[in-house]
Amino acid sequence: MKEGIWNQVLTYLYIRKRNPDAPKGVDLKMMHGMNRISLIMFLVGIVVMLFKIFRK
C-alpha cells in the first residue's frame, strides 16, 4: 500500500515513526536526508514570504 504525501512529510520531519518493514540502505538514507533538507528549506522560505507579506 502506498503512503500519502502527508505521511511522508511527517516521517521526514520525525513527527511520525518510520515503517519498520521499509527497506534500508545507504542510498535510501541519503535520499531521505536530502529530501528532509529540501523540505525544511521550503517551509522556512514559505514562512519568510508570509512574514514579509503580512508585515506591510
PDB file of N, CA and C in Angstrom:
ATOM      1  N   MET A   1       0.834  -1.185   0.000  1.00  0.00           N
ATOM      2  CA  MET A   1       0.000   0.000   0.000  1.00  0.00           C
ATOM      3  C   MET A   1       0.881   1.252   0.000  1.00  0.00           C
ATOM      4  N   LYS A   2       0.551   2.199  -0.850  1.00  0.00           N
ATOM      5  CA  LYS A   2       1.345   3.425  -0.932  1.00  0.00           C
ATOM      6  C   LYS A   2       0.987   4.377   0.198  1.00  0.00           C
ATOM      7  N   GLU A   3       2.003   5.091   0.649  1.00  0.00           N
ATOM      8  CA  GLU A   3       1.778   6.114   1.664  1.00  0.00           C
ATOM      9  C   GLU A   3       1.406   7.419   0.985  1.00  0.00           C
ATOM     10  N   GLY A   4       0.626   8.238   1.679  1.00  0.00           N
ATOM     11  CA  GLY A   4       0.275   9.541   1.155  1.00  0.00           C
ATOM     12  C   GLY A   4       1.420  10.518   1.340  1.00  0.00           C
ATOM     13  N   ILE A   5       1.322  11.636   0.649  1.00  0.00           N
ATOM     14  CA  ILE A   5       2.393  12.631   0.716  1.00  0.00           C
ATOM     15  C   ILE A   5       2.511  13.221   2.120  1.00  0.00           C
ATOM     16  N   TRP A   6       1.384  13.403   2.807  1.00  0.00           N
ATOM     17  CA  TRP A   6       1.443  13.983   4.156  1.00  0.00           C
ATOM     18  C   TRP A   6       2.111  13.035   5.133  1.00  0.00           C
ATOM     19  N   ASN A   7       1.913  11.730   4.961  1.00  0.00           N
ATOM     20  CA  ASN A   7       2.594  10.757   5.813  1.00  0.00           C
ATOM     21  C   ASN A   7       4.102  10.807   5.580  1.00  0.00           C
ATOM     22  N   GLN A   8       4.522  11.003   4.331  1.00  0.00           N
ATOM     23  CA  GLN A   8       5.947  11.098   4.027  1.00  0.00           C
ATOM     24  C   GLN A   8       6.537  12.362   4.634  1.00  0.00           C
ATOM     25  N   VAL A   9       5.802  13.471   4.561  1.00  0.00           N
ATOM     26  CA  VAL A   9       6.278  14.724   5.147  1.00  0.00           C
ATOM     27  C   VAL A   9       6.448  14.558   6.654  1.00  0.00           C
ATOM     28  N   LEU A  10       5.481  13.947   7.310  1.00  0.00           N
ATOM     29  CA  LEU A  10       5.572  13.742   8.754  1.00  0.00           C
ATOM     30  C   LEU A  10       6.734  12.827   9.116  1.00  0.00           C
ATOM     31  N   THR A  11       6.998  11.842   8.268  1.00  0.00           N
ATOM     32  CA  THR A  11       8.122  10.939   8.514  1.00  0.00           C
ATOM     33  C   THR A  11       9.450  11.674   8.346  1.00  0.00           C
ATOM     34  N   TYR A  12       9.575  12.502   7.298  1.00  0.00           N
ATOM     35  CA  TYR A  12      10.812  13.253   7.068  1.00  0.00           C
ATOM     36  C   TYR A  12      11.116  14.193   8.220  1.00  0.00           C
ATOM     37  N   LEU A  13      10.079  14.771   8.804  1.00  0.00           N
ATOM     38  CA  LEU A  13      10.277  15.738   9.886  1.00  0.00           C
ATOM     39  C   LEU A  13      10.299  15.070  11.264  1.00  0.00           C
ATOM     40  N   TYR A  14      10.360  13.756  11.291  1.00  0.00           N
ATOM     41  CA  TYR A  14      10.421  12.968  12.533  1.00  0.00           C
ATOM     42  C   TYR A  14       9.194  13.168  13.416  1.00  0.00           C
ATOM     43  N   ILE A  15       8.040  13.516  12.824  1.00  0.00           N
ATOM     44  CA  ILE A  15       6.819  13.657  13.606  1.00  0.00           C
ATOM     45  C   ILE A  15       6.114  12.306  13.702  1.00  0.00           C
ATOM     46  N   ARG A  16       6.296  11.483  12.686  1.00  0.00           N
ATOM     47  CA  ARG A  16       5.682  10.159  12.661  1.00  0.00           C
ATOM     48  C   ARG A  16       6.788   9.112  12.579  1.00  0.00           C
ATOM     49  N   LYS A  17       6.579   7.971  13.230  1.00  0.00           N
ATOM     50  CA  LYS A  17       7.576   6.907  13.193  1.00  0.00           C
ATOM     51  C   LYS A  17       7.669   6.299  11.803  1.00  0.00           C
ATOM     52  N   ARG A  18       8.862   5.874  11.452  1.00  0.00           N
ATOM     53  CA  ARG A  18       9.108   5.239  10.175  1.00  0.00           C
ATOM     54  C   ARG A  18       8.570   3.815  10.181  1.00  0.00           C
ATOM     55  N   ASN A  19       8.208   3.316   9.012  1.00  0.00           N
ATOM     56  CA  ASN A  19       7.720   1.953   8.864  1.00  0.00           C
ATOM     57  C   ASN A  19       8.885   0.989   9.105  1.00  0.00           C
ATOM     58  N   PRO A  20       8.760   0.083  10.079  1.00  0.00           N
ATOM     59  CA  PRO A  20       9.876  -0.845  10.362  1.00  0.00           C
ATOM     60  C   PRO A  20      10.121  -1.846   9.232  1.00  0.00           C
ATOM     61  N   ASP A  21       9.131  -2.082   8.369  1.00  0.00           N
ATOM     62  CA  ASP A  21       9.287  -3.028   7.265  1.00  0.00           C
ATOM     63  C   ASP A  21       9.865  -2.374   6.016  1.00  0.00           C
ATOM     64  N   ALA A  22      10.091  -1.071   6.055  1.00  0.00           N
ATOM     65  CA  ALA A  22      10.611  -0.354   4.890  1.00  0.00           C
ATOM     66  C   ALA A  22      12.060  -0.773   4.630  1.00  0.00           C
ATOM     67  N   PRO A  23      12.446  -0.815   3.361  1.00  0.00           N
ATOM     68  CA  PRO A  23      13.836  -1.190   3.044  1.00  0.00           C
ATOM     69  C   PRO A  23      14.823  -0.148   3.569  1.00  0.00           C
ATOM     70  N   LYS A  24      15.998  -0.642   3.963  1.00  0.00           N
ATOM     71  CA  LYS A  24      17.033   0.241   4.496  1.00  0.00           C
ATOM     72  C   LYS A  24      18.285   0.118   3.641  1.00  0.00           C
ATOM     73  N   GLY A  25      18.970   1.219   3.458  1.00  0.00           N
ATOM     74  CA  GLY A  25      20.199   1.217   2.688  1.00  0.00           C
ATOM     75  C   GLY A  25      20.810   2.604   2.741  1.00  0.00           C
ATOM     76  N   VAL A  26      22.083   2.685   2.407  1.00  0.00           N
ATOM     77  CA  VAL A  26      22.799   3.954   2.445  1.00  0.00           C
ATOM     78  C   VAL A  26      22.201   4.929   1.435  1.00  0.00           C
ATOM     79  N   ASP A  27      21.913   4.436   0.229  1.00  0.00           N
ATOM     80  CA  ASP A  27      21.359   5.307  -0.809  1.00  0.00           C
ATOM     81  C   ASP A  27      20.013   5.877  -0.382  1.00  0.00           C
ATOM     82  N   LEU A  28      19.186   5.045   0.214  1.00  0.00           N
ATOM     83  CA  LEU A  28      17.866   5.488   0.659  1.00  0.00           C
ATOM     84  C   LEU A  28      17.982   6.503   1.790  1.00  0.00           C
ATOM     85  N   LYS A  29      18.920   6.281   2.705  1.00  0.00           N
ATOM     86  CA  LYS A  29      19.137   7.234   3.802  1.00  0.00           C
ATOM     87  C   LYS A  29      19.600   8.581   3.281  1.00  0.00           C
ATOM     88  N   MET A  30      20.501   8.567   2.302  1.00  0.00           N
ATOM     89  CA  MET A  30      20.985   9.816   1.718  1.00  0.00           C
ATOM     90  C   MET A  30      19.867  10.560   0.999  1.00  0.00           C
ATOM     91  N   MET A  31      19.041   9.823   0.271  1.00  0.00           N
ATOM     92  CA  MET A  31      17.933  10.441  -0.449  1.00  0.00           C
ATOM     93  C   MET A  31      16.950  11.079   0.527  1.00  0.00           C
ATOM     94  N   HIS A  32      16.614  10.360   1.596  1.00  0.00           N
ATOM     95  CA  HIS A  32      15.697  10.909   2.590  1.00  0.00           C
ATOM     96  C   HIS A  32      16.317  12.109   3.301  1.00  0.00           C
ATOM     97  N   GLY A  33      17.610  12.087   3.518  1.00  0.00           N
ATOM     98  CA  GLY A  33      18.278  13.235   4.134  1.00  0.00           C
ATOM     99  C   GLY A  33      18.203  14.467   3.253  1.00  0.00           C
ATOM    100  N   MET A  34      18.434  14.299   1.957  1.00  0.00           N
ATOM    101  CA  MET A  34      18.335  15.431   1.027  1.00  0.00           C
ATOM    102  C   MET A  34      16.903  15.933   0.934  1.00  0.00           C
ATOM    103  N   ASN A  35      15.951  15.019   0.917  1.00  0.00           N
ATOM    104  CA  ASN A  35      14.547  15.422   0.882  1.00  0.00           C
ATOM    105  C   ASN A  35      14.171  16.194   2.142  1.00  0.00           C
ATOM    106  N   ARG A  36      14.680  15.759   3.272  1.00  0.00           N
ATOM    107  CA  ARG A  36      14.392  16.426   4.550  1.00  0.00           C
ATOM    108  C   ARG A  36      14.936  17.859   4.531  1.00  0.00           C
ATOM    109  N   ILE A  37      16.165  18.027   4.050  1.00  0.00           N
ATOM    110  CA  ILE A  37      16.777  19.358   3.972  1.00  0.00           C
ATOM    111  C   ILE A  37      15.977  20.252   3.016  1.00  0.00           C
ATOM    112  N   SER A  38      15.599  19.713   1.865  1.00  0.00           N
ATOM    113  CA  SER A  38      14.823  20.483   0.890  1.00  0.00           C
ATOM    114  C   SER A  38      13.477  20.899   1.460  1.00  0.00           C
ATOM    115  N   LEU A  39      12.819  19.995   2.143  1.00  0.00           N
ATOM    116  CA  LEU A  39      11.510  20.287   2.722  1.00  0.00           C
ATOM    117  C   LEU A  39      11.609  21.358   3.796  1.00  0.00           C
ATOM    118  N   ILE A  40      12.606  21.266   4.645  1.00  0.00           N
ATOM    119  CA  ILE A  40      12.785  22.265   5.708  1.00  0.00           C
ATOM    120  C   ILE A  40      13.096  23.627   5.097  1.00  0.00           C
ATOM    121  N   MET A  41      13.960  23.667   4.077  1.00  0.00           N
ATOM    122  CA  MET A  41      14.274  24.942   3.423  1.00  0.00           C
ATOM    123  C   MET A  41      13.037  25.534   2.763  1.00  0.00           C
ATOM    124  N   PHE A  42      12.209  24.707   2.146  1.00  0.00           N
ATOM    125  CA  PHE A  42      10.973  25.173   1.520  1.00  0.00           C
ATOM    126  C   PHE A  42      10.031  25.766   2.562  1.00  0.00           C
ATOM    127  N   LEU A  43       9.858  25.080   3.687  1.00  0.00           N
ATOM    128  CA  LEU A  43       8.967  25.574   4.734  1.00  0.00           C
ATOM    129  C   LEU A  43       9.479  26.882   5.340  1.00  0.00           C
ATOM    130  N   VAL A  44      10.781  26.993   5.514  1.00  0.00           N
ATOM    131  CA  VAL A  44      11.361  28.246   6.028  1.00  0.00           C
ATOM    132  C   VAL A  44      11.114  29.368   5.020  1.00  0.00           C
ATOM    133  N   GLY A  45      11.264  29.092   3.728  1.00  0.00           N
ATOM    134  CA  GLY A  45      11.006  30.091   2.697  1.00  0.00           C
ATOM    135  C   GLY A  45       9.554  30.552   2.696  1.00  0.00           C
ATOM    136  N   ILE A  46       8.634  29.625   2.866  1.00  0.00           N
ATOM    137  CA  ILE A  46       7.211  29.981   2.930  1.00  0.00           C
ATOM    138  C   ILE A  46       6.949  30.873   4.140  1.00  0.00           C
ATOM    139  N   VAL A  47       7.520  30.529   5.281  1.00  0.00           N
ATOM    140  CA  VAL A  47       7.326  31.335   6.494  1.00  0.00           C
ATOM    141  C   VAL A  47       7.888  32.739   6.299  1.00  0.00           C
ATOM    142  N   VAL A  48       9.061  32.857   5.678  1.00  0.00           N
ATOM    143  CA  VAL A  48       9.670  34.167   5.429  1.00  0.00           C
ATOM    144  C   VAL A  48       8.795  34.987   4.481  1.00  0.00           C
ATOM    145  N   MET A  49       8.286  34.346   3.426  1.00  0.00           N
ATOM    146  CA  MET A  49       7.417  35.060   2.491  1.00  0.00           C
ATOM    147  C   MET A  49       6.137  35.535   3.174  1.00  0.00           C
ATOM    148  N   LEU A  50       5.529  34.686   3.987  1.00  0.00           N
ATOM    149  CA  LEU A  50       4.319  35.087   4.704  1.00  0.00           C
ATOM    150  C   LEU A  50       4.611  36.219   5.679  1.00  0.00           C
ATOM    151  N   PHE A  51       5.753  36.164   6.329  1.00  0.00           N
ATOM    152  CA  PHE A  51       6.138  37.227   7.260  1.00  0.00           C
ATOM    153  C   PHE A  51       6.281  38.551   6.524  1.00  0.00           C
ATOM    154  N   LYS A  52       6.915  38.522   5.344  1.00  0.00           N
ATOM    155  CA  LYS A  52       7.094  39.751   4.567  1.00  0.00           C
ATOM    156  C   LYS A  52       5.755  40.296   4.064  1.00  0.00           C
ATOM    157  N   ILE A  53       4.853  39.414   3.662  1.00  0.00           N
ATOM    158  CA  ILE A  53       3.550  39.841   3.158  1.00  0.00           C
ATOM    159  C   ILE A  53       2.723  40.499   4.258  1.00  0.00           C
ATOM    160  N   PHE A  54       2.666  39.863   5.424  1.00  0.00           N
ATOM    161  CA  PHE A  54       1.830  40.375   6.498  1.00  0.00           C
ATOM    162  C   PHE A  54       2.483  41.484   7.308  1.00  0.00           C
ATOM    163  N   ARG A  55       3.744  41.745   7.057  1.00  0.00           N
ATOM    164  CA  ARG A  55       4.465  42.795   7.789  1.00  0.00           C
ATOM    165  C   ARG A  55       4.138  44.180   7.237  1.00  0.00           C
ATOM    166  N   LYS A  56       3.744  44.254   5.965  1.00  0.00           N
ATOM    167  CA  LYS A  56       3.489  45.546   5.323  1.00  0.00           C
ATOM    168  C   LYS A  56       2.340  46.293   5.940  1.00  0.00           C
TER     169      LYS A  56
END
